[in-house]
Amino acid sequence: MTDGTPDTAAPNTAIVPSPCISVCKLTADRAYCIGCLRTLEEIRGWKHMDAGQKRALLADLENRQAAAAE
């Protein structure tokens, strides 16, 4: 029976939304997607990552976006 509070004991089973924004175009050097800033390897691997790995990648993407804005 649940009391309505989130289950923090199993964080790797939660659904993590994809960072894809449907702007799927690689940079000229094919280093990453200009829409989501993921590399091809990260895009291909997304479906195989657990929630913890996805959240770690999302944090990396925030850092990439901040670095790109500088």
PDB file of N, CA and C in Angstrom:
ATOM      1  N   MET A   1       0.843  -1.175   0.000  1.00  0.00           N
ATOM      2  CA  MET A   1       0.000   0.000   0.000  1.00  0.00           C
ATOM      3  C   MET A   1       0.889   1.239   0.000  1.00  0.00           C
ATOM      4  N   THR A   2       0.562   2.214  -0.826  1.00  0.00           N
ATOM      5  CA  THR A   2       1.361   3.435  -0.877  1.00  0.00           C
ATOM      6  C   THR A   2       0.626   4.573  -0.200  1.00  0.00           C
ATOM      7  N   ASP A   3       1.408   5.516   0.303  1.00  0.00           N
ATOM      8  CA  ASP A   3       0.807   6.673   0.970  1.00  0.00           C
ATOM      9  C   ASP A   3       0.847   7.919   0.094  1.00  0.00           C
ATOM     10  N   GLY A   4       1.221   7.751  -1.186  1.00  0.00           N
ATOM     11  CA  GLY A   4       1.226   8.881  -2.098  1.00  0.00           C
ATOM     12  C   GLY A   4       2.571   9.589  -2.199  1.00  0.00           C
ATOM     13  N   THR A   5       3.524   9.216  -1.344  1.00  0.00           N
ATOM     14  CA  THR A   5       4.834   9.847  -1.431  1.00  0.00           C
ATOM     15  C   THR A   5       5.667   9.139  -2.490  1.00  0.00           C
ATOM     16  N   PRO A   6       6.562   9.873  -3.159  1.00  0.00           N
ATOM     17  CA  PRO A   6       7.379   9.239  -4.187  1.00  0.00           C
ATOM     18  C   PRO A   6       8.291   8.175  -3.606  1.00  0.00           C
ATOM     19  N   ASP A   7       8.554   7.157  -4.394  1.00  0.00           N
ATOM     20  CA  ASP A   7       9.447   6.078  -3.971  1.00  0.00           C
ATOM     21  C   ASP A   7      10.869   6.465  -4.309  1.00  0.00           C
ATOM     22  N   THR A   8      11.626   6.898  -3.308  1.00  0.00           N
ATOM     23  CA  THR A   8      13.012   7.301  -3.532  1.00  0.00           C
ATOM     24  C   THR A   8      13.967   6.135  -3.326  1.00  0.00           C
ATOM     25  N   ALA A   9      13.461   5.000  -2.914  1.00  0.00           N
ATOM     26  CA  ALA A   9      14.321   3.843  -2.680  1.00  0.00           C
ATOM     27  C   ALA A   9      14.739   3.178  -3.993  1.00  0.00           C
ATOM     28  N   ALA A  10      13.994   3.407  -5.075  1.00  0.00           N
ATOM     29  CA  ALA A  10      14.297   2.779  -6.361  1.00  0.00           C
ATOM     30  C   ALA A  10      14.420   3.828  -7.465  1.00  0.00           C
ATOM     31  N   PRO A  11      15.408   4.738  -7.358  1.00  0.00           N
ATOM     32  CA  PRO A  11      15.503   5.821  -8.331  1.00  0.00           C
ATOM     33  C   PRO A  11      15.856   5.367  -9.739  1.00  0.00           C
ATOM     34  N   ASN A  12      16.421   4.174  -9.901  1.00  0.00           N
ATOM     35  CA  ASN A  12      16.815   3.721 -11.224  1.00  0.00           C
ATOM     36  C   ASN A  12      15.690   3.055 -11.996  1.00  0.00           C
ATOM     37  N   THR A  13      14.483   3.092 -11.458  1.00  0.00           N
ATOM     38  CA  THR A  13      13.343   2.534 -12.172  1.00  0.00           C
ATOM     39  C   THR A  13      12.393   3.630 -12.653  1.00  0.00           C
ATOM     40  N   ALA A  14      12.647   4.861 -12.259  1.00  0.00           N
ATOM     41  CA  ALA A  14      11.788   5.968 -12.665  1.00  0.00           C
ATOM     42  C   ALA A  14      11.985   6.282 -14.140  1.00  0.00           C
ATOM     43  N   ILE A  15      10.936   6.760 -14.772  1.00  0.00           N
ATOM     44  CA  ILE A  15      11.015   7.152 -16.177  1.00  0.00           C
ATOM     45  C   ILE A  15      11.698   8.510 -16.270  1.00  0.00           C
ATOM     46  N   VAL A  16      12.714   8.589 -17.135  1.00  0.00           N
ATOM     47  CA  VAL A  16      13.442   9.830 -17.355  1.00  0.00           C
ATOM     48  C   VAL A  16      13.175  10.242 -18.796  1.00  0.00           C
ATOM     49  N   PRO A  17      12.589  11.426 -19.012  1.00  0.00           N
ATOM     50  CA  PRO A  17      12.262  11.836 -20.377  1.00  0.00           C
ATOM     51  C   PRO A  17      13.522  12.102 -21.211  1.00  0.00           C
ATOM     52  N   SER A  18      13.426  11.786 -22.475  1.00  0.00           N
ATOM     53  CA  SER A  18      14.532  11.997 -23.404  1.00  0.00           C
ATOM     54  C   SER A  18      14.784  13.500 -23.585  1.00  0.00           C
ATOM     55  N   PRO A  19      16.046  13.885 -23.759  1.00  0.00           N
ATOM     56  CA  PRO A  19      16.353  15.295 -24.014  1.00  0.00           C
ATOM     57  C   PRO A  19      16.093  15.700 -25.461  1.00  0.00           C
ATOM     58  N   CYS A  20      15.667  14.778 -26.300  1.00  0.00           N
ATOM     59  CA  CYS A  20      15.420  15.068 -27.710  1.00  0.00           C
ATOM     60  C   CYS A  20      14.341  16.136 -27.844  1.00  0.00           C
ATOM     61  N   ILE A  21      14.630  17.149 -28.683  1.00  0.00           N
ATOM     62  CA  ILE A  21      13.636  18.200 -28.940  1.00  0.00           C
ATOM     63  C   ILE A  21      13.225  18.206 -30.409  1.00  0.00           C
ATOM     64  N   SER A  22      13.494  17.106 -31.093  1.00  0.00           N
ATOM     65  CA  SER A  22      13.139  16.910 -32.503  1.00  0.00           C
ATOM     66  C   SER A  22      13.807  17.908 -33.440  1.00  0.00           C
ATOM     67  N   VAL A  23      14.994  18.342 -33.078  1.00  0.00           N
ATOM     68  CA  VAL A  23      15.850  19.143 -33.949  1.00  0.00           C
ATOM     69  C   VAL A  23      17.088  18.276 -34.173  1.00  0.00           C
ATOM     70  N   CYS A  24      16.930  17.281 -35.016  1.00  0.00           N
ATOM     71  CA  CYS A  24      17.944  16.242 -35.172  1.00  0.00           C
ATOM     72  C   CYS A  24      18.886  16.575 -36.321  1.00  0.00           C
ATOM     73  N   LYS A  25      19.948  17.287 -35.971  1.00  0.00           N
ATOM     74  CA  LYS A  25      20.954  17.661 -36.957  1.00  0.00           C
ATOM     75  C   LYS A  25      22.298  17.680 -36.256  1.00  0.00           C
ATOM     76  N   LEU A  26      23.265  17.028 -36.874  1.00  0.00           N
ATOM     77  CA  LEU A  26      24.593  16.977 -36.282  1.00  0.00           C
ATOM     78  C   LEU A  26      25.396  18.220 -36.653  1.00  0.00           C
ATOM     79  N   THR A  27      26.339  18.546 -35.784  1.00  0.00           N
ATOM     80  CA  THR A  27      27.263  19.635 -36.095  1.00  0.00           C
ATOM     81  C   THR A  27      28.085  19.225 -37.310  1.00  0.00           C
ATOM     82  N   ALA A  28      28.744  20.193 -37.935  1.00  0.00           N
ATOM     83  CA  ALA A  28      29.528  19.924 -39.144  1.00  0.00           C
ATOM     84  C   ALA A  28      30.575  18.840 -38.917  1.00  0.00           C
ATOM     85  N   ASP A  29      31.151  18.802 -37.723  1.00  0.00           N
ATOM     86  CA  ASP A  29      32.167  17.785 -37.420  1.00  0.00           C
ATOM     87  C   ASP A  29      31.557  16.491 -36.879  1.00  0.00           C
ATOM     88  N   ARG A  30      30.218  16.424 -36.860  1.00  0.00           N
ATOM     89  CA  ARG A  30      29.462  15.254 -36.391  1.00  0.00           C
ATOM     90  C   ARG A  30      29.770  14.922 -34.934  1.00  0.00           C
ATOM     91  N   ALA A  31      30.146  15.928 -34.173  1.00  0.00           N
ATOM     92  CA  ALA A  31      30.490  15.719 -32.767  1.00  0.00           C
ATOM     93  C   ALA A  31      29.240  15.490 -31.911  1.00  0.00           C
ATOM     94  N   TYR A  32      28.168  16.234 -32.197  1.00  0.00           N
ATOM     95  CA  TYR A  32      26.955  16.105 -31.396  1.00  0.00           C
ATOM     96  C   TYR A  32      25.761  16.683 -32.140  1.00  0.00           C
ATOM     97  N   CYS A  33      24.577  16.386 -31.652  1.00  0.00           N
ATOM     98  CA  CYS A  33      23.325  16.900 -32.208  1.00  0.00           C
ATOM     99  C   CYS A  33      23.137  18.342 -31.750  1.00  0.00           C
ATOM    100  N   ILE A  34      22.772  19.226 -32.668  1.00  0.00           N
ATOM    101  CA  ILE A  34      22.580  20.623 -32.271  1.00  0.00           C
ATOM    102  C   ILE A  34      21.292  20.818 -31.469  1.00  0.00           C
ATOM    103  N   GLY A  35      20.389  19.866 -31.539  1.00  0.00           N
ATOM    104  CA  GLY A  35      19.138  19.967 -30.793  1.00  0.00           C
ATOM    105  C   GLY A  35      19.276  19.577 -29.331  1.00  0.00           C
ATOM    106  N   CYS A  36      19.852  18.411 -29.081  1.00  0.00           N
ATOM    107  CA  CYS A  36      19.910  17.897 -27.709  1.00  0.00           C
ATOM    108  C   CYS A  36      21.317  17.878 -27.128  1.00  0.00           C
ATOM    109  N   LEU A  37      22.318  18.164 -27.941  1.00  0.00           N
ATOM    110  CA  LEU A  37      23.728  18.205 -27.539  1.00  0.00           C
ATOM    111  C   LEU A  37      24.319  16.842 -27.201  1.00  0.00           C
ATOM    112  N   ARG A  38      23.605  15.766 -27.551  1.00  0.00           N
ATOM    113  CA  ARG A  38      24.148  14.433 -27.308  1.00  0.00           C
ATOM    114  C   ARG A  38      25.023  13.994 -28.482  1.00  0.00           C
ATOM    115  N   THR A  39      25.994  13.139 -28.175  1.00  0.00           N
ATOM    116  CA  THR A  39      26.794  12.518 -29.223  1.00  0.00           C
ATOM    117  C   THR A  39      25.969  11.393 -29.842  1.00  0.00           C
ATOM    118  N   LEU A  40      26.408  10.919 -30.998  1.00  0.00           N
ATOM    119  CA  LEU A  40      25.706   9.790 -31.610  1.00  0.00           C
ATOM    120  C   LEU A  40      25.690   8.584 -30.685  1.00  0.00           C
ATOM    121  N   GLU A  41      26.805   8.345 -30.012  1.00  0.00           N
ATOM    122  CA  GLU A  41      26.884   7.216 -29.076  1.00  0.00           C
ATOM    123  C   GLU A  41      25.861   7.372 -27.955  1.00  0.00           C
ATOM    124  N   GLU A  42      25.715   8.580 -27.440  1.00  0.00           N
ATOM    125  CA  GLU A  42      24.742   8.819 -26.366  1.00  0.00           C
ATOM    126  C   GLU A  42      23.311   8.665 -26.864  1.00  0.00           C
ATOM    127  N   ILE A  43      23.052   9.113 -28.083  1.00  0.00           N
ATOM    128  CA  ILE A  43      21.709   8.975 -28.659  1.00  0.00           C
ATOM    129  C   ILE A  43      21.376   7.499 -28.826  1.00  0.00           C
ATOM    130  N   ARG A  44      22.301   6.747 -29.402  1.00  0.00           N
ATOM    131  CA  ARG A  44      22.072   5.307 -29.603  1.00  0.00           C
ATOM    132  C   ARG A  44      21.939   4.560 -28.283  1.00  0.00           C
ATOM    133  N   GLY A  45      22.695   4.961 -27.277  1.00  0.00           N
ATOM    134  CA  GLY A  45      22.705   4.252 -26.007  1.00  0.00           C
ATOM    135  C   GLY A  45      21.579   4.606 -25.068  1.00  0.00           C
ATOM    136  N   TRP A  46      20.838   5.675 -25.340  1.00  0.00           N
ATOM    137  CA  TRP A  46      19.793   6.151 -24.432  1.00  0.00           C
ATOM    138  C   TRP A  46      18.838   5.042 -24.015  1.00  0.00           C
ATOM    139  N   LYS A  47      18.368   4.262 -24.974  1.00  0.00           N
ATOM    140  CA  LYS A  47      17.364   3.239 -24.651  1.00  0.00           C
ATOM    141  C   LYS A  47      17.920   2.100 -23.800  1.00  0.00           C
ATOM    142  N   HIS A  48      19.236   2.004 -23.722  1.00  0.00           N
ATOM    143  CA  HIS A  48      19.857   0.947 -22.933  1.00  0.00           C
ATOM    144  C   HIS A  48      20.311   1.424 -21.545  1.00  0.00           C
ATOM    145  N   MET A  49      20.228   2.726 -21.297  1.00  0.00           N
ATOM    146  CA  MET A  49      20.671   3.289 -20.019  1.00  0.00           C
ATOM    147  C   MET A  49      19.592   3.106 -18.959  1.00  0.00           C
ATOM    148  N   ASP A  50      20.032   2.944 -17.724  1.00  0.00           N
ATOM    149  CA  ASP A  50      19.045   2.940 -16.640  1.00  0.00           C
ATOM    150  C   ASP A  50      18.782   4.397 -16.250  1.00  0.00           C
ATOM    151  N   ALA A  51      17.823   4.612 -15.377  1.00  0.00           N
ATOM    152  CA  ALA A  51      17.416   5.970 -15.020  1.00  0.00           C
ATOM    153  C   ALA A  51      18.563   6.787 -14.426  1.00  0.00           C
ATOM    154  N   GLY A  52      19.405   6.162 -13.635  1.00  0.00           N
ATOM    155  CA  GLY A  52      20.545   6.865 -13.044  1.00  0.00           C
ATOM    156  C   GLY A  52      21.523   7.343 -14.103  1.00  0.00           C
ATOM    157  N   GLN A  53      21.788   6.498 -15.086  1.00  0.00           N
ATOM    158  CA  GLN A  53      22.683   6.879 -16.173  1.00  0.00           C
ATOM    159  C   GLN A  53      22.076   8.006 -17.009  1.00  0.00           C
ATOM    160  N   LYS A  54      20.770   7.935 -17.229  1.00  0.00           N
ATOM    161  CA  LYS A  54      20.090   8.987 -17.991  1.00  0.00           C
ATOM    162  C   LYS A  54      20.158  10.323 -17.255  1.00  0.00           C
ATOM    163  N   ARG A  55      19.925  10.290 -15.939  1.00  0.00           N
ATOM    164  CA  ARG A  55      19.997  11.537 -15.163  1.00  0.00           C
ATOM    165  C   ARG A  55      21.414  12.107 -15.172  1.00  0.00           C
ATOM    166  N   ALA A  56      22.415  11.243 -15.123  1.00  0.00           N
ATOM    167  CA  ALA A  56      23.810  11.701 -15.179  1.00  0.00           C
ATOM    168  C   ALA A  56      24.090  12.348 -16.531  1.00  0.00           C
ATOM    169  N   LEU A  57      23.589  11.752 -17.594  1.00  0.00           N
ATOM    170  CA  LEU A  57      23.780  12.341 -18.925  1.00  0.00           C
ATOM    171  C   LEU A  57      23.059  13.682 -19.018  1.00  0.00           C
ATOM    172  N   LEU A  58      21.859  13.777 -18.472  1.00  0.00           N
ATOM    173  CA  LEU A  58      21.132  15.047 -18.496  1.00  0.00           C
ATOM    174  C   LEU A  58      21.919  16.138 -17.776  1.00  0.00           C
ATOM    175  N   ALA A  59      22.569  15.789 -16.682  1.00  0.00           N
ATOM    176  CA  ALA A  59      23.408  16.756 -15.961  1.00  0.00           C
ATOM    177  C   ALA A  59      24.587  17.181 -16.833  1.00  0.00           C
ATOM    178  N   ASP A  60      25.203  16.222 -17.531  1.00  0.00           N
ATOM    179  CA  ASP A  60      26.296  16.542 -18.446  1.00  0.00           C
ATOM    180  C   ASP A  60      25.822  17.472 -19.554  1.00  0.00           C
ATOM    181  N   LEU A  61      24.615  17.224 -20.054  1.00  0.00           N
ATOM    182  CA  LEU A  61      24.075  18.059 -21.126  1.00  0.00           C
ATOM    183  C   LEU A  61      23.847  19.486 -20.657  1.00  0.00           C
ATOM    184  N   GLU A  62      23.425  19.657 -19.409  1.00  0.00           N
ATOM    185  CA  GLU A  62      23.273  21.010 -18.848  1.00  0.00           C
ATOM    186  C   GLU A  62      24.611  21.722 -18.826  1.00  0.00           C
ATOM    187  N   ASN A  63      25.668  21.003 -18.453  1.00  0.00           N
ATOM    188  CA  ASN A  63      27.012  21.577 -18.442  1.00  0.00           C
ATOM    189  C   ASN A  63      27.472  21.939 -19.847  1.00  0.00           C
ATOM    190  N   ARG A  64      27.171  21.077 -20.815  1.00  0.00           N
ATOM    191  CA  ARG A  64      27.530  21.362 -22.216  1.00  0.00           C
ATOM    192  C   ARG A  64      26.824  22.605 -22.705  1.00  0.00           C
ATOM    193  N   GLN A  65      25.536  22.712 -22.356  1.00  0.00           N
ATOM    194  CA  GLN A  65      24.765  23.871 -22.791  1.00  0.00           C
ATOM    195  C   GLN A  65      25.313  25.146 -22.178  1.00  0.00           C
ATOM    196  N   ALA A  66      25.681  25.100 -20.894  1.00  0.00           N
ATOM    197  CA  ALA A  66      26.247  26.268 -20.230  1.00  0.00           C
ATOM    198  C   ALA A  66      27.582  26.645 -20.867  1.00  0.00           C
ATOM    199  N   ALA A  67      28.402  25.651 -21.177  1.00  0.00           N
ATOM    200  CA  ALA A  67      29.710  25.914 -21.799  1.00  0.00           C
ATOM    201  C   ALA A  67      29.543  26.495 -23.193  1.00  0.00           C
ATOM    202  N   ALA A  68      28.548  26.019 -23.923  1.00  0.00           N
ATOM    203  CA  ALA A  68      28.306  26.510 -25.279  1.00  0.00           C
ATOM    204  C   ALA A  68      27.807  27.951 -25.276  1.00  0.00           C
ATOM    205  N   ALA A  69      27.137  28.326 -24.184  1.00  0.00           N
ATOM    206  CA  ALA A  69      26.582  29.682 -24.081  1.00  0.00           C
ATOM    207  C   ALA A  69      27.650  30.720 -23.750  1.00  0.00           C
ATOM    208  N   GLU A  70      28.804  30.267 -23.285  1.00  0.00           N
ATOM    209  CA  GLU A  70      29.862  31.201 -22.889  1.00  0.00           C
ATOM    210  C   GLU A  70      30.590  31.766 -24.065  1.00  0.00           C
TER     211      GLU A  70
END
